[in-house]
N, C-alpha and C. Protein backbone atom coordinates (compact mmCIF):
# COMPACT_ATOMS: atom_id res chain seq x y z
N MET A 1 21.34 -5.12 -18.04
CA MET A 1 20.12 -5.72 -17.53
C MET A 1 20.35 -6.15 -16.08
N GLY A 2 19.42 -5.79 -15.19
CA GLY A 2 19.55 -6.14 -13.78
C GLY A 2 19.09 -7.55 -13.50
N ARG A 3 19.60 -8.10 -12.44
CA ARG A 3 19.17 -9.44 -12.07
C ARG A 3 18.21 -9.34 -10.88
N LEU A 4 17.28 -10.26 -10.83
CA LEU A 4 16.27 -10.23 -9.77
C LEU A 4 16.67 -11.20 -8.67
N ARG A 5 16.81 -10.67 -7.47
CA ARG A 5 17.18 -11.49 -6.32
C ARG A 5 15.98 -11.58 -5.39
N GLN A 6 16.02 -12.47 -4.42
CA GLN A 6 14.92 -12.60 -3.48
C GLN A 6 15.44 -12.56 -2.05
N LYS A 7 14.66 -11.89 -1.20
CA LYS A 7 14.99 -11.83 0.22
C LYS A 7 13.67 -11.62 0.96
N ALA A 8 13.52 -12.28 2.10
CA ALA A 8 12.28 -12.17 2.88
C ALA A 8 12.46 -11.21 4.05
N CYS A 9 11.39 -10.57 4.43
CA CYS A 9 11.37 -9.73 5.63
C CYS A 9 11.66 -10.60 6.84
N THR A 10 12.53 -10.14 7.71
CA THR A 10 12.89 -10.89 8.91
C THR A 10 11.68 -11.08 9.83
N LEU A 11 10.77 -10.12 9.87
CA LEU A 11 9.65 -10.18 10.80
C LEU A 11 8.44 -10.93 10.27
N CYS A 12 7.98 -10.61 9.05
CA CYS A 12 6.75 -11.23 8.53
C CYS A 12 7.03 -12.36 7.53
N GLN A 13 8.29 -12.53 7.13
CA GLN A 13 8.72 -13.58 6.21
C GLN A 13 8.19 -13.45 4.79
N GLN A 14 7.60 -12.31 4.43
CA GLN A 14 7.10 -12.09 3.08
C GLN A 14 8.24 -11.60 2.18
N PHE A 15 8.31 -12.13 0.96
CA PHE A 15 9.31 -11.68 0.00
C PHE A 15 8.84 -10.35 -0.59
N GLN A 16 9.73 -9.36 -0.59
CA GLN A 16 9.41 -8.03 -1.08
C GLN A 16 10.54 -7.54 -1.98
N PRO A 17 10.24 -6.66 -2.97
CA PRO A 17 11.28 -6.15 -3.85
C PRO A 17 12.18 -5.10 -3.19
N VAL A 18 11.73 -4.51 -2.07
CA VAL A 18 12.51 -3.52 -1.35
C VAL A 18 12.43 -3.83 0.14
N LEU A 19 13.59 -3.91 0.79
CA LEU A 19 13.66 -4.13 2.24
C LEU A 19 14.57 -3.07 2.85
N TYR A 20 14.35 -2.78 4.12
CA TYR A 20 15.13 -1.78 4.83
C TYR A 20 15.99 -2.47 5.88
N ARG A 21 17.29 -2.13 5.89
CA ARG A 21 18.22 -2.69 6.87
C ARG A 21 18.13 -1.82 8.12
N VAL A 22 17.74 -2.43 9.23
CA VAL A 22 17.52 -1.66 10.45
C VAL A 22 17.96 -2.43 11.69
N GLN A 23 18.14 -1.66 12.76
CA GLN A 23 18.25 -2.22 14.10
C GLN A 23 17.03 -1.66 14.83
N TYR A 24 16.33 -2.50 15.60
CA TYR A 24 15.12 -2.01 16.23
C TYR A 24 14.94 -2.44 17.68
N ASP A 25 15.88 -3.21 18.21
CA ASP A 25 15.75 -3.61 19.62
C ASP A 25 17.10 -3.53 20.31
N GLU A 26 17.14 -3.94 21.55
CA GLU A 26 18.35 -3.81 22.36
C GLU A 26 19.48 -4.74 21.93
N SER A 27 19.18 -5.72 21.08
CA SER A 27 20.23 -6.63 20.60
C SER A 27 21.16 -5.93 19.60
N HIS A 28 20.70 -4.84 19.00
CA HIS A 28 21.45 -4.08 17.99
C HIS A 28 21.85 -4.95 16.80
N ARG A 29 21.05 -5.99 16.55
CA ARG A 29 21.28 -6.90 15.42
C ARG A 29 20.68 -6.27 14.17
N TRP A 30 21.40 -6.32 13.05
CA TRP A 30 20.90 -5.80 11.78
C TRP A 30 19.96 -6.81 11.16
N VAL A 31 18.78 -6.35 10.75
CA VAL A 31 17.80 -7.20 10.08
C VAL A 31 17.23 -6.46 8.87
N PHE A 32 16.61 -7.20 7.97
CA PHE A 32 15.94 -6.62 6.81
C PHE A 32 14.43 -6.72 7.01
N VAL A 33 13.74 -5.59 6.89
CA VAL A 33 12.29 -5.57 7.09
C VAL A 33 11.60 -4.90 5.90
N CYS A 34 10.35 -5.32 5.64
CA CYS A 34 9.56 -4.71 4.57
C CYS A 34 9.00 -3.37 5.03
N ARG A 35 8.39 -2.65 4.11
CA ARG A 35 7.85 -1.32 4.43
C ARG A 35 6.80 -1.38 5.54
N CYS A 36 5.92 -2.36 5.47
CA CYS A 36 4.85 -2.48 6.47
C CYS A 36 5.44 -2.68 7.88
N CYS A 37 6.37 -3.61 8.00
CA CYS A 37 7.00 -3.86 9.30
C CYS A 37 7.86 -2.68 9.72
N TRP A 38 8.54 -2.05 8.76
CA TRP A 38 9.37 -0.88 9.05
C TRP A 38 8.54 0.24 9.67
N GLU A 39 7.35 0.48 9.13
CA GLU A 39 6.49 1.54 9.67
C GLU A 39 6.10 1.25 11.12
N LYS A 40 5.91 -0.02 11.46
CA LYS A 40 5.52 -0.40 12.82
C LYS A 40 6.68 -0.26 13.81
N ILE A 41 7.88 -0.71 13.41
CA ILE A 41 8.99 -0.74 14.38
C ILE A 41 9.75 0.57 14.49
N SER A 42 9.61 1.46 13.51
CA SER A 42 10.40 2.70 13.55
C SER A 42 9.73 3.82 14.34
N GLN A 43 8.43 3.72 14.57
CA GLN A 43 7.70 4.78 15.27
C GLN A 43 8.08 4.83 16.76
N ASP A 44 8.52 5.98 17.21
CA ASP A 44 8.83 6.22 18.63
C ASP A 44 9.67 5.11 19.25
N ASN A 45 10.69 4.66 18.53
CA ASN A 45 11.53 3.57 19.00
C ASN A 45 12.95 4.11 19.24
N PRO A 46 13.39 4.22 20.49
CA PRO A 46 14.73 4.75 20.78
C PRO A 46 15.86 3.83 20.29
N ASN A 47 15.56 2.55 20.03
CA ASN A 47 16.57 1.60 19.55
C ASN A 47 16.65 1.55 18.03
N TYR A 48 15.79 2.28 17.34
CA TYR A 48 15.73 2.21 15.88
C TYR A 48 16.92 2.90 15.23
N VAL A 49 17.58 2.18 14.29
CA VAL A 49 18.68 2.73 13.50
C VAL A 49 18.47 2.26 12.06
N TYR A 50 18.50 3.19 11.11
CA TYR A 50 18.37 2.86 9.69
C TYR A 50 19.75 2.58 9.13
N GLY A 51 19.86 1.51 8.33
CA GLY A 51 21.16 1.14 7.80
C GLY A 51 21.21 0.98 6.29
N GLY A 52 20.18 1.43 5.58
CA GLY A 52 20.20 1.34 4.13
C GLY A 52 19.03 0.59 3.57
N THR A 53 18.92 0.64 2.25
CA THR A 53 17.82 0.00 1.54
C THR A 53 18.36 -1.09 0.62
N TRP A 54 17.72 -2.25 0.66
CA TRP A 54 18.06 -3.37 -0.20
C TRP A 54 17.01 -3.46 -1.30
N LYS A 55 17.45 -3.60 -2.54
CA LYS A 55 16.51 -3.70 -3.68
C LYS A 55 16.77 -4.99 -4.43
N ALA A 56 15.67 -5.66 -4.80
CA ALA A 56 15.78 -6.95 -5.50
C ALA A 56 16.41 -6.78 -6.87
N LYS A 57 16.11 -5.69 -7.53
CA LYS A 57 16.64 -5.46 -8.87
C LYS A 57 17.92 -4.64 -8.75
N LYS A 58 19.03 -5.24 -9.16
CA LYS A 58 20.32 -4.58 -9.00
C LYS A 58 20.93 -4.26 -10.35
């Protein structure tokens, strides 16, 4: 049986069951973002790097 964990999107602060680990600006800092925010920051962004998917149910 999996356990349910919680994590909020770094940008919109909404708790989501799936978050994407990304870098999206010149700081090259890793953050977790939800699908909605991911779609906004990944489009035509030369600083964008995908680093994996985080899931609440493990």
